[in-house]
C-alpha atoms as a PDB file:
ATOM      1  CA  UNK A   1     108.338 128.270  73.663  1.00  0.00           C
ATOM      2  CA  UNK A   2     107.443 124.676  72.822  1.00  0.00           C
ATOM      3  CA  UNK A   3     104.206 123.206  74.201  1.00  0.00           C
ATOM      4  CA  UNK A   4     104.112 119.730  75.558  1.00  0.00           C
ATOM      5  CA  UNK A   5     101.455 117.266  74.525  1.00  0.00           C
ATOM      6  CA  UNK A   6      98.729 116.361  77.004  1.00  0.00           C
ATOM      7  CA  UNK A   7     100.194 112.852  77.117  1.00  0.00           C
ATOM      8  CA  UNK A   8     103.601 114.197  78.111  1.00  0.00           C
ATOM      9  CA  UNK A   9     102.028 116.523  80.719  1.00  0.00           C
ATOM     10  CA  UNK A  10     100.048 113.587  82.202  1.00  0.00           C
ATOM     11  CA  UNK A  11     103.215 111.517  82.524  1.00  0.00           C
ATOM     12  CA  UNK A  12     104.928 114.445  84.244  1.00  0.00           C
ATOM     13  CA  UNK A  13     101.947 114.927  86.575  1.00  0.00           C
ATOM     14  CA  UNK A  14     101.975 111.288  87.528  1.00  0.00           C
ATOM     15  CA  UNK A  15     105.684 111.387  88.259  1.00  0.00           C
ATOM     16  CA  UNK A  16     105.288 114.167  90.850  1.00  0.00           C
ATOM     17  CA  UNK A  17     105.948 113.344  94.457  1.00  0.00           C
ATOM     18  CA  UNK A  18     102.632 114.907  95.674  1.00  0.00           C
ATOM     19  CA  UNK A  19     103.759 114.917  99.388  1.00  0.00           C
ATOM     20  CA  UNK A  20     103.468 118.613 100.389  1.00  0.00           C
ATOM     21  CA  UNK A  21      99.702 118.842 100.253  1.00  0.00           C
ATOM     22  CA  UNK A  22      98.898 115.746 102.286  1.00  0.00           C
ATOM     23  CA  UNK A  23     101.639 116.520 104.760  1.00  0.00           C
ATOM     24  CA  UNK A  24     100.295 120.033 105.346  1.00  0.00           C
ATOM     25  CA  UNK A  25      96.761 118.661 105.642  1.00  0.00           C
ATOM     26  CA  UNK A  26      97.964 116.120 108.183  1.00  0.00           C
ATOM     27  CA  UNK A  27      99.742 118.864 110.128  1.00  0.00           C
ATOM     28  CA  UNK A  28      96.763 121.197 110.248  1.00  0.00           C
ATOM     29  CA  UNK A  29      94.200 118.492 111.157  1.00  0.00           C
ATOM     30  CA  UNK A  30      96.626 117.167 113.832  1.00  0.00           C
ATOM     31  CA  UNK A  31      96.848 120.717 115.283  1.00  0.00           C
ATOM     32  CA  UNK A  32      93.056 121.049 115.150  1.00  0.00           C
ATOM     33  CA  UNK A  33      92.754 117.773 117.136  1.00  0.00           C
ATOM     34  CA  UNK A  34      95.055 119.028 119.779  1.00  0.00           C
ATOM     35  CA  UNK A  35      93.389 122.457 119.901  1.00  0.00           C
ATOM     36  CA  UNK A  36      89.985 120.734 120.376  1.00  0.00           C
ATOM     37  CA  UNK A  37      90.994 119.922 123.927  1.00  0.00           C
ATOM     38  CA  UNK A  38      92.209 123.358 124.975  1.00  0.00           C
ATOM     39  CA  UNK A  39      90.146 125.995 123.073  1.00  0.00           C
ATOM     40  CA  UNK A  40      86.561 127.084 123.753  1.00  0.00           C
ATOM     41  CA  UNK A  41      84.079 126.452 120.907  1.00  0.00           C
ATOM     42  CA  UNK A  42      84.121 130.070 119.586  1.00  0.00           C
ATOM     43  CA  UNK A  43      87.918 129.879 119.102  1.00  0.00           C
ATOM     44  CA  UNK A  44      87.768 126.290 117.798  1.00  0.00           C
ATOM     45  CA  UNK A  45      85.436 127.448 115.024  1.00  0.00           C
ATOM     46  CA  UNK A  46      87.926 130.112 113.956  1.00  0.00           C
ATOM     47  CA  UNK A  47      90.774 127.627 114.165  1.00  0.00           C
ATOM     48  CA  UNK A  48      88.971 125.265 111.854  1.00  0.00           C
ATOM     49  CA  UNK A  49      88.158 127.931 109.269  1.00  0.00           C
ATOM     50  CA  UNK A  50      91.692 129.407 109.360  1.00  0.00           C
ATOM     51  CA  UNK A  51      93.482 126.057 109.533  1.00  0.00           C
ATOM     52  CA  UNK A  52      91.674 124.381 106.622  1.00  0.00           C
ATOM     53  CA  UNK A  53      91.911 127.572 104.580  1.00  0.00           C
ATOM     54  CA  UNK A  54      95.685 127.763 105.064  1.00  0.00           C
ATOM     55  CA  UNK A  55      96.563 124.136 104.070  1.00  0.00           C
ATOM     56  CA  UNK A  56      97.586 125.216 100.550  1.00  0.00           C
ATOM     57  CA  UNK A  57      99.831 127.961 101.867  1.00  0.00           C
ATOM     58  CA  UNK A  58     101.552 125.611 104.315  1.00  0.00           C
ATOM     59  CA  UNK A  59     101.936 123.145 101.389  1.00  0.00           C
ATOM     60  CA  UNK A  60     103.705 125.827  99.383  1.00  0.00           C
ATOM     61  CA  UNK A  61     106.254 126.138 102.185  1.00  0.00           C
ATOM     62  CA  UNK A  62     106.627 122.383 102.684  1.00  0.00           C
ATOM     63  CA  UNK A  63     107.019 121.869  98.982  1.00  0.00           C
ATOM     64  CA  UNK A  64     110.306 123.759  99.122  1.00  0.00           C
ATOM     65  CA  UNK A  65     111.558 120.940 101.423  1.00  0.00           C
ATOM     66  CA  UNK A  66     110.140 118.055  99.434  1.00  0.00           C
ATOM     67  CA  UNK A  67     111.407 119.376  96.070  1.00  0.00           C
ATOM     68  CA  UNK A  68     107.931 119.889  94.650  1.00  0.00           C
ATOM     69  CA  UNK A  69     107.980 123.713  94.577  1.00  0.00           C
ATOM     70  CA  UNK A  70     104.222 124.289  94.561  1.00  0.00           C
ATOM     71  CA  UNK A  71     103.328 127.790  93.408  1.00  0.00           C
ATOM     72  CA  UNK A  72     100.675 129.728  91.600  1.00  0.00           C
ATOM     73  CA  UNK A  73     102.324 129.898  88.159  1.00  0.00           C
ATOM     74  CA  UNK A  74     100.953 131.648  85.192  1.00  0.00           C
ATOM     75  CA  UNK A  75      98.502 129.261  83.452  1.00  0.00           C
ATOM     76  CA  UNK A  76     100.723 129.235  80.324  1.00  0.00           C
ATOM     77  CA  UNK A  77     103.638 127.794  82.421  1.00  0.00           C
ATOM     78  CA  UNK A  78     101.502 125.332  84.418  1.00  0.00           C
ATOM     79  CA  UNK A  79     101.013 121.611  83.657  1.00  0.00           C
ATOM     80  CA  UNK A  80      97.403 121.259  82.407  1.00  0.00           C
ATOM     81  CA  UNK A  81      96.739 118.512  84.981  1.00  0.00           C
ATOM     82  CA  UNK A  82      97.974 120.750  87.754  1.00  0.00           C
ATOM     83  CA  UNK A  83      95.375 123.275  86.559  1.00  0.00           C
ATOM     84  CA  UNK A  84      92.663 120.616  86.802  1.00  0.00           C
ATOM     85  CA  UNK A  85      93.858 119.789  90.324  1.00  0.00           C
ATOM     86  CA  UNK A  86      93.803 123.485  91.336  1.00  0.00           C
ATOM     87  CA  UNK A  87      90.281 123.699  89.915  1.00  0.00           C
ATOM     88  CA  UNK A  88      89.346 120.784  92.169  1.00  0.00           C
ATOM     89  CA  UNK A  89      90.839 122.655  95.129  1.00  0.00           C
ATOM     90  CA  UNK A  90      88.892 125.710  94.102  1.00  0.00           C
ATOM     91  CA  UNK A  91      85.737 123.605  93.978  1.00  0.00           C
ATOM     92  CA  UNK A  92      86.466 122.332  97.535  1.00  0.00           C
ATOM     93  CA  UNK A  93      86.825 125.865  98.779  1.00  0.00           C
ATOM     94  CA  UNK A  94      83.686 127.011  97.026  1.00  0.00           C
ATOM     95  CA  UNK A  95      81.795 124.356  98.908  1.00  0.00           C
ATOM     96  CA  UNK A  96      82.616 126.342 102.086  1.00  0.00           C
ATOM     97  CA  UNK A  97      79.509 128.234 101.033  1.00  0.00           C
ATOM     98  CA  UNK A  98      77.604 125.149 102.161  1.00  0.00           C
ATOM     99  CA  UNK A  99      79.463 124.848 105.458  1.00  0.00           C
ATOM    100  CA  UNK A 100      78.836 128.385 106.585  1.00  0.00           C
ATOM    101  CA  UNK A 101      75.026 128.332 106.815  1.00  0.00           C
ATOM    102  CA  UNK A 102      75.175 124.711 108.035  1.00  0.00           C
ATOM    103  CA  UNK A 103      77.573 125.776 110.782  1.00  0.00           C
ATOM    104  CA  UNK A 104      75.423 128.749 111.680  1.00  0.00           C
ATOM    105  CA  UNK A 105      72.590 126.350 112.438  1.00  0.00           C
ATOM    106  CA  UNK A 106      74.794 123.903 114.357  1.00  0.00           C
ATOM    107  CA  UNK A 107      78.448 124.790 115.053  1.00  0.00           C
ATOM    108  CA  UNK A 108      79.243 121.131 115.688  1.00  0.00           C
ATOM    109  CA  UNK A 109      78.719 120.491 111.983  1.00  0.00           C
ATOM    110  CA  UNK A 110      81.681 122.635 110.925  1.00  0.00           C
ATOM    111  CA  UNK A 111      84.533 120.112 111.353  1.00  0.00           C
ATOM    112  CA  UNK A 112      82.382 117.440 109.745  1.00  0.00           C
ATOM    113  CA  UNK A 113      81.558 119.506 106.695  1.00  0.00           C
ATOM    114  CA  UNK A 114      85.115 120.819 106.218  1.00  0.00           C
ATOM    115  CA  UNK A 115      86.622 117.412 106.745  1.00  0.00           C
ATOM    116  CA  UNK A 116      84.471 116.052 103.885  1.00  0.00           C
ATOM    117  CA  UNK A 117      84.742 119.129 101.666  1.00  0.00           C
ATOM    118  CA  UNK A 118      88.511 119.460 101.896  1.00  0.00           C
ATOM    119  CA  UNK A 119      88.838 115.736 101.137  1.00  0.00           C
ATOM    120  CA  UNK A 120      86.972 116.054  97.816  1.00  0.00           C
ATOM    121  CA  UNK A 121      90.171 116.968  95.919  1.00  0.00           C
ATOM    122  CA  UNK A 122      91.639 113.565  96.775  1.00  0.00           C
ATOM    123  CA  UNK A 123      89.222 111.936  94.324  1.00  0.00           C
ATOM    124  CA  UNK A 124      90.362 114.219  91.485  1.00  0.00           C
ATOM    125  CA  UNK A 125      94.053 113.738  92.327  1.00  0.00           C
ATOM    126  CA  UNK A 126      93.563 109.988  92.505  1.00  0.00           C
ATOM    127  CA  UNK A 127      92.069 109.784  89.008  1.00  0.00           C
ATOM    128  CA  UNK A 128      94.553 112.180  87.422  1.00  0.00           C
ATOM    129  CA  UNK A 129      97.615 110.599  89.145  1.00  0.00           C
ATOM    130  CA  UNK A 130      96.267 107.031  88.697  1.00  0.00           C
ATOM    131  CA  UNK A 131      96.648 106.503  92.417  1.00  0.00           C
ATOM    132  CA  UNK A 132      93.957 104.284  93.813  1.00  0.00           C
ATOM    133  CA  UNK A 133      94.983 105.051  97.399  1.00  0.00           C
ATOM    134  CA  UNK A 134      93.914 108.673  96.884  1.00  0.00           C
ATOM    135  CA  UNK A 135      90.438 107.490  95.714  1.00  0.00           C
ATOM    136  CA  UNK A 136      90.205 105.141  98.693  1.00  0.00           C
ATOM    137  CA  UNK A 137      91.306 108.046 100.989  1.00  0.00           C
ATOM    138  CA  UNK A 138      88.440 110.212  99.627  1.00  0.00           C
ATOM    139  CA  UNK A 139      85.836 107.479 100.055  1.00  0.00           C
ATOM    140  CA  UNK A 140      86.927 106.197 103.442  1.00  0.00           C
ATOM    141  CA  UNK A 141      87.325 109.750 104.781  1.00  0.00           C
ATOM    142  CA  UNK A 142      83.835 110.699 103.584  1.00  0.00           C
ATOM    143  CA  UNK A 143      82.079 107.653 104.898  1.00  0.00           C
ATOM    144  CA  UNK A 144      83.904 107.689 108.206  1.00  0.00           C
ATOM    145  CA  UNK A 145      83.205 111.364 108.761  1.00  0.00           C
ATOM    146  CA  UNK A 146      79.476 110.990 107.997  1.00  0.00           C
ATOM    147  CA  UNK A 147      79.199 107.910 110.309  1.00  0.00           C
ATOM    148  CA  UNK A 148      81.108 109.685 113.095  1.00  0.00           C
ATOM    149  CA  UNK A 149      78.946 112.793 112.842  1.00  0.00           C
ATOM    150  CA  UNK A 150      75.760 110.758 112.823  1.00  0.00           C
ATOM    151  CA  UNK A 151      76.824 108.747 115.875  1.00  0.00           C
ATOM    152  CA  UNK A 152      78.741 111.342 117.944  1.00  0.00           C
ATOM    153  CA  UNK A 153      77.975 114.886 116.754  1.00  0.00           C
ATOM    154  CA  UNK A 154      78.961 116.292 120.096  1.00  0.00           C
ATOM    155  CA  UNK A 155      82.502 114.976 119.603  1.00  0.00           C
ATOM    156  CA  UNK A 156      82.856 116.464 116.080  1.00  0.00           C
ATOM    157  CA  UNK A 157      85.831 118.706 116.900  1.00  0.00           C
ATOM    158  CA  UNK A 158      87.782 115.704 118.268  1.00  0.00           C
ATOM    159  CA  UNK A 159      86.643 112.824 116.000  1.00  0.00           C
ATOM    160  CA  UNK A 160      86.631 114.538 112.560  1.00  0.00           C
ATOM    161  CA  UNK A 161      90.328 115.648 112.862  1.00  0.00           C
ATOM    162  CA  UNK A 162      91.248 112.190 114.005  1.00  0.00           C
ATOM    163  CA  UNK A 163      89.543 110.478 111.091  1.00  0.00           C
ATOM    164  CA  UNK A 164      91.328 112.847 108.601  1.00  0.00           C
ATOM    165  CA  UNK A 165      94.701 112.269 110.262  1.00  0.00           C
ATOM    166  CA  UNK A 166      94.050 108.486 110.176  1.00  0.00           C
ATOM    167  CA  UNK A 167      93.348 108.684 106.434  1.00  0.00           C
ATOM    168  CA  UNK A 168      96.542 110.626 105.829  1.00  0.00           C
ATOM    169  CA  UNK A 169      98.311 108.047 107.950  1.00  0.00           C
ATOM    170  CA  UNK A 170      97.503 105.217 105.496  1.00  0.00           C
ATOM    171  CA  UNK A 171      97.632 107.315 102.346  1.00  0.00           C
ATOM    172  CA  UNK A 172     100.975 109.090 102.677  1.00  0.00           C
ATOM    173  CA  UNK A 173     103.125 106.030 103.108  1.00  0.00           C
ATOM    174  CA  UNK A 174     101.480 104.249 100.159  1.00  0.00           C
ATOM    175  CA  UNK A 175     101.886 107.330  97.934  1.00  0.00           C
ATOM    176  CA  UNK A 176     105.555 107.701  98.998  1.00  0.00           C
ATOM    177  CA  UNK A 177     106.329 103.993  98.383  1.00  0.00           C
ATOM    178  CA  UNK A 178     104.851 104.357  94.910  1.00  0.00           C
ATOM    179  CA  UNK A 179     106.863 107.512  94.255  1.00  0.00           C
ATOM    180  CA  UNK A 180     110.115 105.809  95.336  1.00  0.00           C
ATOM    181  CA  UNK A 181     109.433 102.851  93.069  1.00  0.00           C
ATOM    182  CA  UNK A 182     108.837 105.257  90.204  1.00  0.00           C
ATOM    183  CA  UNK A 183     112.125 107.024  90.954  1.00  0.00           C
ATOM    184  CA  UNK A 184     114.053 103.699  91.016  1.00  0.00           C
ATOM    185  CA  UNK A 185     112.456 102.682  87.713  1.00  0.00           C
ATOM    186  CA  UNK A 186     113.447 106.025  86.140  1.00  0.00           C
ATOM    187  CA  UNK A 187     117.024 105.757  87.510  1.00  0.00           C
ATOM    188  CA  UNK A 188     117.471 102.250  86.147  1.00  0.00           C
ATOM    189  CA  UNK A 189     116.354 103.256  82.627  1.00  0.00           C
END
């Protein structure tokens, strides 16, 4: 088996579509927004934990439709930059340890904390994929979530999902336009 150079792996990572994860995040946070109007707080808390924890699994299913085929490959078969991104995802999930005691003191803090924490991986992806929109997504999402929680903590279950969906709404089209341009350039060469 021949190993690819890091330069080649970076090129391949940057050519990936990277649509499945944001689409699954947008679906989950949209569903959480809708559920915030019909579920009692005790069930909303469970929905937020389960929903945010299942984004990667939904992305694995969606990736079959987008042609990305996300899976947990053996590390020897995985692109090194995918490994770095998975580590960033792991970091985001490890920060749930901050959310749990925070939420136990104030359940309204849960959507705020998880909206920020699950958005952390956007910064790493943006740097690795050289996509400024992903970096902007992480920063805007964090600042908007903090501001909303400071101003309207009682509306956290409605506003936090709305902020996240809004951020996906501007990020996904930009990322897809960039990917299509890349595909056209590759086809013309």
